[in-house]
Protein backbone atom coordinates (compact mmCIF):
# COMPACT_ATOMS: atom_id res chain seq x y z
CA MET A 1 115.54 59.59 98.08
CA ASN A 2 112.32 59.48 99.47
CA GLY A 3 109.90 58.95 96.74
CA ARG A 4 106.33 60.01 97.56
CA LEU A 5 103.15 58.93 94.88
CA ALA A 6 98.78 59.91 93.68
CA GLY A 7 96.31 59.68 91.52
CA ALA A 8 94.74 56.96 92.75
CA GLY A 9 93.01 54.04 89.97
CA LEU A 10 90.17 51.09 91.65
CA SER A 11 91.78 48.81 93.98
CA SER A 12 92.26 50.22 97.54
CA ALA A 13 96.17 50.42 99.09
CA ALA A 14 97.97 53.91 100.57
CA ILE A 15 102.28 52.67 100.67
CA THR A 16 106.04 53.85 101.18
CA CYS A 17 108.52 51.85 98.79
CA ALA A 18 109.14 50.55 102.13
CA SER A 19 106.10 48.09 103.32
CA PRO A 20 106.02 44.88 102.45
CA PRO A 21 103.29 43.66 99.73
CA LYS A 22 100.91 42.04 101.72
CA LEU A 23 100.27 45.28 103.35
CA ALA A 24 97.98 46.61 100.12
CA SER A 25 95.81 43.37 100.89
CA ARG A 26 95.39 43.61 104.35
CA ARG A 27 94.08 47.62 104.31
CA ALA A 28 92.07 46.47 101.53
CA ALA A 29 90.66 43.87 103.70
CA GLU A 30 90.31 46.17 106.39
CA MET A 31 88.47 48.61 104.35
CA SER A 32 86.16 46.01 103.26
CA ASP A 33 85.58 44.48 107.07
CA SER A 34 84.16 48.10 107.57
CA ALA A 35 80.70 46.89 106.54
CA THR A 36 80.47 43.54 106.29
CA HIS A 37 78.10 43.58 109.29
CA ASP A 38 74.71 46.01 107.83
CA PRO A 39 73.16 44.90 105.47
CA GLN A 40 72.13 48.33 103.65
CA ARG A 41 75.88 48.48 103.33
CA LEU A 42 76.79 45.31 101.32
CA THR A 43 73.48 45.14 99.32
CA PHE A 44 74.65 49.40 98.21
CA ILE A 45 78.47 47.86 97.45
CA ALA A 46 76.69 45.52 95.18
CA HIS A 47 74.68 47.03 93.56
CA VAL A 48 77.68 49.86 92.52
CA ALA A 49 80.21 47.23 92.10
CA ASP A 50 77.31 46.05 88.92
CA LEU A 51 76.74 49.54 87.72
CA ASP A 52 73.45 49.81 89.06
CA GLU A 53 73.67 53.09 88.77
CA LEU A 54 69.92 54.03 89.21
CA GLU A 55 69.26 51.75 92.90
CA VAL A 56 73.29 53.72 93.87
CA LEU A 57 71.43 56.64 93.17
CA ALA A 58 67.89 56.21 95.06
CA LEU A 59 70.46 53.88 97.79
CA VAL A 60 72.16 57.62 98.26
CA GLU A 61 69.14 59.55 99.18
CA LYS A 62 67.52 56.66 100.70
CA ARG A 63 70.35 56.67 102.84
CA ILE A 64 70.54 60.26 103.64
CA ALA A 65 67.31 61.11 104.21
CA GLN A 66 67.48 58.38 106.95
CA GLY A 67 70.71 60.54 108.08
CA ASP A 68 73.93 58.12 107.25
CA ASN A 69 76.66 59.63 107.39
CA PRO A 70 77.49 60.62 104.20
CA LEU A 71 81.48 59.54 104.72
CA ALA A 72 79.98 55.77 105.19
CA ILE A 73 78.76 56.16 101.62
CA ILE A 74 81.93 57.31 100.24
CA GLU A 75 82.97 55.03 102.11
CA ASP A 76 81.54 51.49 100.57
CA CYS A 77 81.70 53.87 97.23
CA GLN A 78 84.93 53.14 97.56
CA GLU A 79 84.66 49.55 98.50
CA GLY A 80 82.03 48.97 94.88
CA LEU A 81 84.95 50.97 92.93
CA ARG A 82 87.45 47.85 94.40
CA GLN A 83 85.28 45.05 93.42
CA VAL A 84 84.57 47.14 89.72
CA GLY A 85 88.44 47.02 89.64
CA GLU A 86 89.11 43.74 90.55
CA ARG A 87 86.45 42.46 87.87
CA TYR A 88 88.35 44.45 85.28
CA GLU A 89 91.29 42.20 86.25
CA ARG A 90 89.83 39.50 85.81
CA GLN A 91 88.63 40.48 82.13
CA GLU A 92 84.88 40.52 83.41
CA TYR A 93 84.16 44.58 82.72
CA TYR A 94 86.00 46.51 79.59
CA LEU A 95 87.14 49.69 79.74
CA SER A 96 83.51 50.74 78.95
CA GLY A 97 83.15 49.36 82.67
CA LEU A 98 86.06 51.50 84.64
CA ILE A 99 84.33 54.13 82.84
CA MET A 100 80.52 53.83 84.27
CA ALA A 101 82.24 53.47 88.04
CA GLY A 102 83.54 56.26 87.30
CA GLU A 103 80.66 57.99 86.27
CA ILE A 104 78.70 56.25 88.81
CA PHE A 105 80.15 57.64 91.74
CA ARG A 106 80.73 61.42 89.79
CA GLU A 107 76.85 61.41 90.29
CA VAL A 108 77.69 60.36 94.30
CA MET A 109 79.44 63.06 94.69
CA GLU A 110 77.36 65.18 93.28
CA ILE A 111 74.48 64.50 96.33
CA VAL A 112 77.18 63.18 99.19
CA GLN A 113 79.61 66.95 98.22
CA PRO A 114 77.76 69.31 100.19
CA ILE A 115 76.98 68.01 102.73
CA ILE A 116 80.62 67.06 103.83
CA GLN A 117 81.55 70.11 102.92
CA GLU A 118 78.57 71.94 105.21
CA THR A 119 79.87 69.06 107.79
CA TYR A 120 83.79 69.24 107.24
CA THR A 121 84.51 73.49 105.53
CA GLY A 122 87.44 74.54 107.76
CA LYS A 123 88.30 70.73 109.43
CA GLU A 124 90.89 70.42 106.68
CA THR A 125 94.18 72.86 104.69
CA GLY A 126 96.45 72.47 102.36
CA THR A 127 97.69 72.37 98.56
CA ILE A 128 97.69 68.80 95.74
CA LEU A 129 99.28 69.35 92.32
CA LEU A 130 97.61 66.57 90.03
CA GLY A 131 97.96 65.17 87.05
CA THR A 132 97.95 61.71 84.90
CA VAL A 133 101.75 62.00 83.62
CA ARG A 134 102.96 62.74 79.52
CA GLY A 135 101.42 59.53 77.27
CA ASP A 136 98.39 58.50 79.31
CA ILE A 137 95.29 59.82 78.60
CA HIS A 138 93.21 58.37 81.79
CA ASP A 139 91.61 60.29 84.62
CA ILE A 140 89.09 58.56 86.29
CA GLY A 141 90.53 57.27 89.76
CA LYS A 142 92.62 61.06 89.08
CA ASN A 143 89.14 62.96 88.79
CA ASN A 144 87.33 60.41 91.72
CA LEU A 145 90.48 61.56 94.08
CA SER A 146 90.26 65.34 92.59
CA MET A 147 86.76 65.64 93.88
CA LEU A 148 87.39 63.78 97.82
CA LEU A 149 90.14 65.72 98.56
CA THR A 150 87.57 69.18 97.49
CA CYS A 151 85.03 67.39 99.83
CA TYR A 152 87.88 66.90 102.32
CA GLY A 153 88.98 71.11 102.14
CA PHE A 154 92.24 70.44 99.85
CA SER A 155 92.18 72.70 97.65
CA VAL A 156 93.10 70.27 94.36
CA HIS A 157 94.97 71.99 90.96
CA ASP A 158 94.03 69.45 88.80
CA LEU A 159 96.73 69.74 85.13
CA GLY A 160 94.54 66.91 83.45
CA VAL A 161 95.84 64.76 81.18
CA ASP A 162 98.97 63.24 79.31
CA VAL A 163 100.78 66.49 81.55
CA PRO A 164 105.27 66.75 80.40
CA PRO A 165 107.23 66.51 83.14
CA SER A 166 108.23 70.03 82.19
CA GLU A 167 104.40 71.54 82.92
CA PHE A 168 104.74 68.71 86.54
CA LEU A 169 107.30 71.31 87.08
CA LEU A 170 106.72 74.63 86.10
CA GLN A 171 103.48 74.01 88.06
CA ALA A 172 105.19 72.90 91.37
CA VAL A 173 107.34 76.20 91.32
CA GLN A 174 104.60 78.10 91.02
CA VAL A 175 101.94 76.64 93.00
CA ARG A 176 104.08 75.11 95.43
CA PRO A 177 101.72 72.26 96.54
CA ASP A 178 101.93 70.35 100.00
CA VAL A 179 101.59 67.69 97.73
CA ILE A 180 102.30 66.52 94.71
CA GLY A 181 100.47 63.57 92.60
CA LEU A 182 101.20 61.48 89.65
CA SER A 183 98.41 59.51 87.66
CA GLY A 184 98.47 56.76 85.22
CA LEU A 185 97.23 53.60 83.89
CA LEU A 186 99.57 52.04 81.64
CA THR A 187 102.84 50.69 82.21
CA THR A 188 104.26 53.03 79.57
CA SER A 189 103.55 56.13 82.28
CA TYR A 190 105.67 53.84 84.91
CA ASP A 191 108.61 56.25 82.16
CA ALA A 192 107.31 59.88 82.29
CA MET A 193 106.52 58.98 86.09
CA LYS A 194 110.22 58.55 86.45
CA GLU A 195 110.97 61.36 84.23
CA THR A 196 108.53 63.80 86.38
CA ILE A 197 110.02 63.37 89.13
CA ASP A 198 113.68 63.10 88.08
CA LEU A 199 113.76 66.38 86.09
CA ILE A 200 111.37 67.76 90.00
CA HIS A 201 114.00 66.64 91.73
CA MET A 202 117.03 67.83 89.25
CA THR A 203 116.07 71.45 90.26
CA GLY A 204 118.87 71.56 93.45
CA ASP A 205 115.09 73.47 94.70
CA ALA A 206 115.07 72.81 98.95
CA GLU A 207 111.64 73.32 99.23
CA LEU A 208 110.32 71.25 96.06
CA HIS A 209 112.15 68.43 97.28
CA ALA A 210 110.60 68.80 100.50
CA ILE A 211 107.35 67.93 98.73
CA PRO A 212 106.07 64.58 98.81
CA ILE A 213 105.67 62.60 94.92
CA ILE A 214 102.46 60.38 95.67
CA ILE A 215 102.15 58.04 92.50
CA GLY A 216 98.79 56.81 91.86
CA GLY A 217 96.98 53.99 89.50
CA ASN A 218 95.63 50.60 88.63
CA GLN A 219 98.46 48.37 87.63
CA LEU A 220 101.04 49.76 90.30
CA THR A 221 103.17 47.71 92.86
CA GLU A 222 106.74 48.80 95.17
CA GLN A 223 108.67 47.59 92.20
CA VAL A 224 107.19 50.02 90.11
CA CYS A 225 106.59 52.61 93.36
CA ARG A 226 110.55 52.42 93.64
CA TYR A 227 111.70 52.81 89.69
CA VAL A 228 110.00 56.68 89.29
CA GLY A 229 111.93 56.91 92.76
CA ALA A 230 108.66 58.29 94.54
CA ASP A 231 108.20 58.38 97.90
CA TYR A 232 104.12 56.20 97.95
CA TRP A 233 102.41 54.41 96.24
CA LEU A 234 98.68 54.00 96.19
CA ASN A 235 95.67 52.47 94.21
CA ASP A 236 92.24 54.03 95.78
CA ALA A 237 91.35 57.07 95.95
CA MET A 238 89.49 56.68 99.23
CA SER A 239 92.79 56.22 100.60
CA GLY A 240 95.09 59.01 98.80
CA VAL A 241 92.49 60.96 101.51
CA ARG A 242 93.75 59.32 104.13
CA LEU A 243 97.49 59.59 102.91
CA CYS A 244 97.30 63.82 102.55
CA GLN A 245 95.90 63.62 105.43
CA LYS A 246 98.54 62.24 107.65
CA LEU A 247 101.08 63.43 105.53
CA LEU A 248 99.94 66.87 106.00
CA HIS A 249 99.09 66.60 110.09
CA SER A 250 102.01 63.79 110.88
CA PRO A 251 105.69 65.06 111.16
CA SER A 252 105.98 61.26 111.26
CA ALA A 253 103.49 60.67 108.16
CA THR A 254 106.51 59.78 105.29
CA HIS A 255 107.22 55.89 107.06
CA LEU A 256 103.86 55.26 106.79
């Protein structure tokens, strides 16, 4: 069985269970390298990482007025969020820092989302079923991914948090999504992810079996992906968008 994951946290990677772990760090480096030669973008990223809300929002308005690509603004915001995640892992930030980062991202998205939707309307199609699994009430990464997917034209069915396996199955049967995303921040959520995926694949419904299942969360690894039986795992929202795009538009996407 292929495992397919979604959700999203604050680090960066979107890789298959079979991919080597070092691929995650390489893709994180590629993401951060995109802005290394632009002082304005570096400054913006630093303010996001420092949780400087007012300065971040002021710079967003300034960049839009200058005609910057709103997608570049989101990419830089995601890089800042990745750095927030790293600081959290080093215990330089507490959970409140992650919550603040999620709030800053939400405010940035309120500014850039109308511009993106006007520019990209009709260019992406697909239905994504998202939710944080049973026993976990963390939703920062999931919400970030949901906002980004909506910007890119996807129809998102967000089930919220603490979603039992039976509800994921019921909604998968009713919605028939193109991708299913399971989110979880706590290590205790892994068993709920596994139970959810097992339940979906026990139905005997070939159409459900073919739906890619992605897991997302800050603590996820290739080993967790294999354990729960997902197809992909990822640690940041932008990688989730790119993965969904590839899954819907590339016949070989399951071998990324």
